[in-house]
Amino acid sequence: MKEFQARTLWGALFVTVLLGAILLGPYTFATLFLILSVFALREFYLLCRTAGFSPQFYPGLIAGALLFILSFFIAKHSIPYKSFSYVLFLIYAFPVYELFRKTKNPLANLALTTFGIVFVSIPFSLLNFLAFPEFEEKTIYNYELLISLFLFVWASDSGAYIFGVKFGKHRLFERISPKKSWEGLFGGAITALVAAWLLTYLFPQYSFVLLGVMAMIVVIAGTLGDLVESMIKRSVDVKDSGRFMPGHGGLLDRFDSILLATPIIYFAFQFFR
């Protein structure tokens, strides 16, 4: 019972801080999510170390942080897109740096360093383009889509859990996640669509079609992101990616749903421009 109470308390605190930072404005949002992105990437690199590899820890974290910062100011239209070249410079410096490290498995170390940026840093960085939606042709901060994204994640997770516990009989991907079921997936889709319908009243400038598409991307891509993160954890024989919050595991455990959903949402929204 105490564990459940602690989990609930920390979960409520996490949601409050997350939504508070988003609602307060662009710089509180950017500051919080920059920190979260760096520590999530750190967790990924620590998982790699657990598996016996040696990713370029600090160069990778610096490149991931720079990518988020540049993405924020590019999305805000404060600097040009060509500023991304600074991150490319750092990434192409990884192989040269590896020459001087004298570690085992240099190819795997390079691959994991770069994959961490692709898998963790890029999705976090693309959140900036939801904060400044390009398809609206505006450069002002807009928190509605950010909040919608996380509400869809929470609605989907809640629906998947409730329907999965009550009706779950057919396993979705038993080899990776024995508890996930097709019934849970469909339940998550239903609750996410209900959330999208309710949000059309809260944010009337967005149609149900747009929010519904966004919700379905979160359900499908979010589930796949969750499964990929579970696969990574299973490969290194750990239950949680870290100890970010009591009862909730690590940051990757909290944000695994957005790791694939955010890039797909970003590209899908290009059709609305």
Protein backbone atom coordinates (compact mmCIF):
# COMPACT_ATOMS: atom_id res chain seq x y z
CA MET A 1 0.00 0.00 0.00
CA LYS A 2 2.83 2.38 0.86
CA GLU A 3 4.46 1.61 -2.49
CA PHE A 4 1.20 2.45 -4.31
CA GLN A 5 0.83 5.70 -2.36
CA ALA A 6 4.43 6.69 -3.13
CA ARG A 7 3.94 5.87 -6.80
CA THR A 8 0.74 7.94 -6.93
CA LEU A 9 2.31 10.88 -5.11
CA TRP A 10 5.42 10.96 -7.31
CA GLY A 11 3.30 10.52 -10.43
CA ALA A 12 1.07 13.46 -9.51
CA LEU A 13 4.13 15.60 -8.74
CA PHE A 14 5.71 14.66 -12.07
CA VAL A 15 2.56 15.58 -14.03
CA THR A 16 2.22 18.87 -12.12
CA VAL A 17 5.82 19.90 -12.82
CA LEU A 18 5.58 18.84 -16.47
CA LEU A 19 2.33 20.69 -17.20
CA GLY A 20 3.40 23.65 -15.09
CA ALA A 21 6.61 24.12 -17.06
CA ILE A 22 4.70 23.91 -20.35
CA LEU A 23 2.00 26.35 -19.26
CA LEU A 24 4.37 28.92 -17.77
CA GLY A 25 6.00 29.67 -21.10
CA PRO A 26 8.56 28.71 -23.72
CA TYR A 27 11.68 29.13 -21.59
CA THR A 28 10.44 27.12 -18.62
CA PHE A 29 9.35 24.41 -21.08
CA ALA A 30 12.71 24.48 -22.85
CA THR A 31 14.71 24.46 -19.61
CA LEU A 32 12.86 21.49 -18.14
CA PHE A 33 12.87 19.42 -21.32
CA LEU A 34 16.52 20.18 -22.02
CA ILE A 35 17.36 18.74 -18.60
CA LEU A 36 15.04 15.76 -19.15
CA SER A 37 16.52 15.05 -22.59
CA VAL A 38 20.10 15.09 -21.29
CA PHE A 39 19.31 12.80 -18.36
CA ALA A 40 17.27 10.44 -20.57
CA LEU A 41 20.24 10.16 -22.95
CA ARG A 42 22.49 9.59 -19.93
CA GLU A 43 20.25 6.68 -18.89
CA PHE A 44 20.56 5.18 -22.36
CA TYR A 45 24.35 5.39 -22.26
CA LEU A 46 24.39 3.83 -18.78
CA LEU A 47 22.31 0.93 -20.14
CA CYS A 48 24.92 0.52 -22.86
CA ARG A 49 27.65 0.43 -20.22
CA THR A 50 25.70 -2.25 -18.35
CA ALA A 51 25.84 -4.32 -21.54
CA GLY A 52 29.63 -3.96 -21.63
CA PHE A 53 29.94 -1.21 -24.25
CA SER A 54 31.57 2.21 -23.91
CA PRO A 55 29.60 4.90 -25.75
CA GLN A 56 31.14 8.36 -25.86
CA PHE A 57 29.38 9.57 -22.75
CA TYR A 58 30.12 13.28 -22.48
CA PRO A 59 30.52 14.06 -26.22
CA GLY A 60 27.15 12.38 -26.80
CA LEU A 61 25.48 14.36 -23.99
CA ILE A 62 26.96 17.62 -25.29
CA ALA A 63 25.76 16.88 -28.84
CA GLY A 64 22.28 15.94 -27.55
CA ALA A 65 22.01 19.11 -25.47
CA LEU A 66 23.21 21.28 -28.35
CA LEU A 67 20.68 19.64 -30.66
CA PHE A 68 17.82 20.49 -28.28
CA ILE A 69 18.98 24.09 -27.79
CA LEU A 70 19.40 24.70 -31.51
CA SER A 71 16.02 23.08 -32.23
CA PHE A 72 14.33 25.42 -29.76
CA PHE A 73 15.72 28.58 -31.33
CA ILE A 74 15.22 27.28 -34.88
CA ALA A 75 11.57 26.40 -34.12
CA LYS A 76 11.24 29.87 -32.57
CA HIS A 77 12.66 31.31 -35.83
CA SER A 78 15.43 33.06 -33.92
CA ILE A 79 18.23 31.34 -35.86
CA PRO A 80 18.33 29.67 -39.32
CA TYR A 81 18.06 25.95 -40.03
CA LYS A 82 21.69 25.83 -41.12
CA SER A 83 22.62 26.11 -37.43
CA PHE A 84 22.10 22.33 -37.26
CA SER A 85 25.51 22.06 -38.93
CA TYR A 86 27.10 22.55 -35.49
CA VAL A 87 25.59 19.27 -34.32
CA LEU A 88 26.71 17.52 -37.50
CA PHE A 89 30.23 18.73 -36.81
CA LEU A 90 30.16 17.12 -33.36
CA ILE A 91 28.68 13.87 -34.66
CA TYR A 92 31.29 13.56 -37.40
CA ALA A 93 33.94 14.21 -34.76
CA PHE A 94 32.89 11.04 -32.90
CA PRO A 95 34.96 8.66 -35.09
CA VAL A 96 38.06 10.83 -34.67
CA TYR A 97 37.60 10.95 -30.90
CA GLU A 98 37.20 7.16 -30.84
CA LEU A 99 40.75 6.84 -32.24
CA PHE A 100 42.16 8.14 -28.96
CA ARG A 101 39.97 6.16 -26.56
CA LYS A 102 41.59 2.72 -27.02
CA THR A 103 38.40 0.88 -26.05
CA LYS A 104 37.06 -2.47 -27.12
CA ASN A 105 34.34 -2.63 -29.78
CA PRO A 106 34.95 0.86 -31.25
CA LEU A 107 32.38 0.29 -34.00
CA ALA A 108 29.67 -0.65 -31.49
CA ASN A 109 30.63 2.31 -29.29
CA LEU A 110 30.27 4.72 -32.22
CA ALA A 111 26.98 3.15 -33.30
CA LEU A 112 25.50 3.33 -29.79
CA THR A 113 26.68 6.91 -29.23
CA THR A 114 24.96 8.02 -32.43
CA PHE A 115 21.89 5.83 -31.94
CA GLY A 116 21.34 7.38 -28.52
CA ILE A 117 21.09 10.80 -30.13
CA VAL A 118 18.73 9.50 -32.82
CA PHE A 119 16.56 7.50 -30.43
CA VAL A 120 16.45 9.96 -27.50
CA SER A 121 17.71 13.45 -28.34
CA ILE A 122 15.96 13.95 -31.70
CA PRO A 123 12.45 13.10 -30.39
CA PHE A 124 12.92 15.46 -27.44
CA SER A 125 14.24 18.16 -29.79
CA LEU A 126 11.25 17.81 -32.11
CA LEU A 127 8.95 18.73 -29.22
CA ASN A 128 10.12 22.29 -29.87
CA PHE A 129 8.37 22.20 -33.25
CA LEU A 130 5.11 21.27 -31.52
CA ALA A 131 5.64 24.25 -29.24
CA PHE A 132 6.01 26.49 -32.30
CA PRO A 133 3.81 24.66 -34.88
CA GLU A 134 5.12 25.32 -38.37
CA PHE A 135 1.84 24.40 -40.04
CA GLU A 136 0.20 27.34 -38.29
CA GLU A 137 2.78 29.69 -39.87
CA LYS A 138 3.31 31.41 -36.53
CA THR A 139 6.38 32.05 -34.42
CA ILE A 140 4.58 32.38 -31.10
CA TYR A 141 4.67 29.76 -28.38
CA ASN A 142 1.67 27.43 -28.45
CA TYR A 143 1.31 24.96 -25.59
CA GLU A 144 -1.91 23.29 -26.79
CA LEU A 145 -0.29 20.61 -28.94
CA LEU A 146 2.33 19.82 -26.31
CA ILE A 147 -0.34 19.32 -23.68
CA SER A 148 -2.43 17.30 -26.14
CA LEU A 149 0.52 14.99 -26.82
CA PHE A 150 1.04 14.16 -23.18
CA LEU A 151 -2.69 13.86 -22.46
CA PHE A 152 -2.93 11.34 -25.30
CA VAL A 153 0.00 9.39 -23.86
CA TRP A 154 -1.59 9.30 -20.39
CA ALA A 155 -5.07 8.51 -21.75
CA SER A 156 -3.68 5.73 -23.93
CA ASP A 157 -1.65 4.23 -21.10
CA SER A 158 -4.62 4.36 -18.73
CA GLY A 159 -7.01 2.82 -21.26
CA ALA A 160 -4.51 0.12 -22.20
CA TYR A 161 -4.03 -0.79 -18.54
CA ILE A 162 -7.75 -0.87 -17.68
CA PHE A 163 -8.83 -2.79 -20.78
CA GLY A 164 -5.78 -5.03 -20.63
CA VAL A 165 -6.42 -6.08 -17.03
CA LYS A 166 -10.16 -6.64 -17.59
CA PHE A 167 -10.24 -8.12 -21.10
CA GLY A 168 -6.64 -8.88 -22.08
CA LYS A 169 -6.32 -12.42 -23.48
CA HIS A 170 -4.35 -12.07 -26.71
CA ARG A 171 -0.73 -11.07 -26.18
CA LEU A 172 0.55 -8.23 -28.34
CA PHE A 173 4.29 -8.99 -28.20
CA GLU A 174 4.78 -11.64 -25.53
CA ARG A 175 8.50 -12.12 -26.19
CA ILE A 176 9.22 -8.49 -25.26
CA SER A 177 6.34 -7.45 -22.99
CA PRO A 178 4.24 -10.35 -21.65
CA LYS A 179 1.60 -8.08 -20.10
CA LYS A 180 0.65 -6.08 -23.20
CA SER A 181 -2.42 -7.29 -25.08
CA TRP A 182 -4.33 -6.44 -28.24
CA GLU A 183 -7.36 -5.69 -26.08
CA GLY A 184 -5.27 -3.19 -24.14
CA LEU A 185 -4.08 -1.57 -27.36
CA PHE A 186 -7.65 -1.12 -28.62
CA GLY A 187 -8.71 0.15 -25.19
CA GLY A 188 -5.91 2.72 -25.30
CA ALA A 189 -7.06 3.79 -28.76
CA ILE A 190 -10.61 4.33 -27.51
CA THR A 191 -9.56 6.42 -24.50
CA ALA A 192 -7.13 8.46 -26.63
CA LEU A 193 -9.90 9.24 -29.15
CA VAL A 194 -12.22 10.25 -26.31
CA ALA A 195 -9.46 12.56 -25.06
CA ALA A 196 -9.12 14.01 -28.58
CA TRP A 197 -12.87 14.67 -28.73
CA LEU A 198 -12.82 16.41 -25.33
CA LEU A 199 -9.82 18.51 -26.34
CA THR A 200 -11.74 19.93 -29.31
CA TYR A 201 -13.84 21.78 -26.70
CA LEU A 202 -10.79 22.93 -24.76
CA PHE A 203 -8.82 23.88 -27.90
CA PRO A 204 -11.56 24.70 -30.49
CA GLN A 205 -9.00 25.96 -33.02
CA TYR A 206 -8.03 22.33 -33.69
CA SER A 207 -10.34 19.94 -35.48
CA PHE A 208 -11.17 16.46 -34.27
CA VAL A 209 -9.51 15.09 -37.42
CA LEU A 210 -6.16 16.66 -36.54
CA LEU A 211 -6.31 15.71 -32.86
CA GLY A 212 -7.67 12.26 -33.71
CA VAL A 213 -4.79 11.59 -36.09
CA MET A 214 -2.38 12.78 -33.43
CA ALA A 215 -4.02 10.49 -30.86
CA MET A 216 -3.77 7.43 -33.13
CA ILE A 217 -0.11 8.14 -33.85
CA VAL A 218 0.51 8.31 -30.10
CA VAL A 219 -1.31 5.00 -29.55
CA ILE A 220 0.47 3.06 -32.30
CA ALA A 221 3.91 4.68 -32.35
CA GLY A 222 3.85 5.13 -28.57
CA THR A 223 3.23 1.41 -28.08
CA LEU A 224 6.06 0.58 -30.47
CA GLY A 225 8.36 2.99 -28.64
CA ASP A 226 7.46 1.31 -25.37
CA LEU A 227 8.22 -2.11 -26.87
CA VAL A 228 11.56 -0.95 -28.29
CA GLU A 229 12.59 0.43 -24.90
CA SER A 230 11.51 -2.85 -23.27
CA MET A 231 13.59 -4.75 -25.81
CA ILE A 232 16.64 -2.63 -24.94
CA LYS A 233 16.14 -3.23 -21.21
CA ARG A 234 15.68 -6.96 -21.72
CA SER A 235 18.88 -7.11 -23.76
CA VAL A 236 20.84 -5.81 -20.77
CA ASP A 237 18.71 -7.72 -18.22
CA VAL A 238 17.33 -4.76 -16.25
CA LYS A 239 13.77 -4.02 -15.17
CA ASP A 240 13.90 -0.21 -15.19
CA SER A 241 16.02 2.20 -17.22
CA GLY A 242 16.95 4.11 -14.07
CA ARG A 243 15.76 5.39 -10.69
CA PHE A 244 14.30 8.73 -11.60
CA MET A 245 11.15 8.36 -9.48
CA PRO A 246 10.21 5.80 -6.81
CA GLY A 247 7.82 3.27 -8.32
CA HIS A 248 8.13 4.73 -11.83
CA GLY A 249 11.60 3.69 -12.95
CA GLY A 250 13.76 5.93 -15.09
CA LEU A 251 13.18 8.80 -17.48
CA LEU A 252 13.21 6.50 -20.48
CA ASP A 253 10.44 4.50 -18.82
CA ARG A 254 8.40 7.70 -18.45
CA PHE A 255 9.03 9.03 -21.96
CA ASP A 256 9.33 5.86 -24.04
CA SER A 257 5.97 6.55 -25.72
CA ILE A 258 7.13 9.84 -27.24
CA LEU A 259 10.41 8.50 -28.63
CA LEU A 260 8.76 7.21 -31.81
CA ALA A 261 5.49 9.15 -31.63
CA THR A 262 7.00 12.66 -31.72
CA PRO A 263 9.02 12.24 -34.95
CA ILE A 264 6.02 10.70 -36.73
CA ILE A 265 3.73 13.48 -35.49
CA TYR A 266 6.26 16.07 -36.69
CA PHE A 267 6.37 14.62 -40.20
CA ALA A 268 2.60 14.06 -40.29
CA PHE A 269 2.02 17.71 -39.44
CA GLN A 270 4.00 18.76 -42.49
CA PHE A 271 0.89 17.76 -44.48
CA PHE A 272 -1.13 20.37 -42.60
CA ARG A 273 1.17 23.23 -43.61
